Amino acid sequence: MIVIEKKVVVKLEKSLKIDFLLSNPKKFKEELGETKQKLIS
């Protein structure tokens, strides 16, 4: 049950983040850079 809830929360956070980032392109690029670094490391 908790796992499913976590997935939903992550999805909500992602969609909220995307909405926020779309309205703030500079921040969007910064976040993308950070995400890439996390994926590489």
Protein backbone atom coordinates (compact mmCIF):
# COMPACT_ATOMS: atom_id res chain seq x y z
CA MET A 1 0.00 0.00 0.00
CA ILE A 2 2.74 2.45 1.01
CA VAL A 3 4.66 1.75 -2.21
CA ILE A 4 1.64 2.66 -4.34
CA GLU A 5 1.12 5.87 -2.37
CA LYS A 6 4.78 6.78 -2.84
CA LYS A 7 4.47 6.34 -6.60
CA VAL A 8 1.42 8.60 -6.65
CA VAL A 9 3.24 11.24 -4.60
CA VAL A 10 6.25 11.08 -6.93
CA LYS A 11 3.95 11.47 -9.95
CA LEU A 12 2.22 14.45 -8.34
CA GLU A 13 5.54 16.04 -7.45
CA LYS A 14 6.82 15.53 -10.99
CA SER A 15 3.74 17.06 -12.61
CA LEU A 16 3.79 20.00 -10.18
CA LYS A 17 7.50 20.45 -10.83
CA ILE A 18 6.95 20.36 -14.60
CA ASP A 19 4.20 22.99 -14.33
CA PHE A 20 6.49 25.17 -12.23
CA LEU A 21 9.50 24.66 -14.50
CA LEU A 22 7.52 25.41 -17.65
CA SER A 23 6.66 28.78 -16.15
CA ASN A 24 10.32 29.29 -15.20
CA PRO A 25 12.62 28.19 -18.08
CA LYS A 26 15.88 29.29 -16.44
CA LYS A 27 15.15 27.17 -13.37
CA PHE A 28 14.12 24.36 -15.72
CA LYS A 29 17.61 24.29 -17.29
CA GLU A 30 19.25 24.29 -13.85
CA GLU A 31 17.08 21.39 -12.70
CA LEU A 32 17.84 19.46 -15.88
CA GLY A 33 21.56 19.87 -15.28
CA GLU A 34 21.24 18.66 -11.70
CA THR A 35 19.14 15.67 -12.76
CA LYS A 36 21.69 14.65 -15.40
CA GLN A 37 24.50 14.85 -12.84
CA LYS A 38 22.51 12.65 -10.44
CA LEU A 39 21.87 10.09 -13.19
CA ILE A 40 25.55 9.98 -14.18
CA SER A 41 26.91 9.63 -10.63
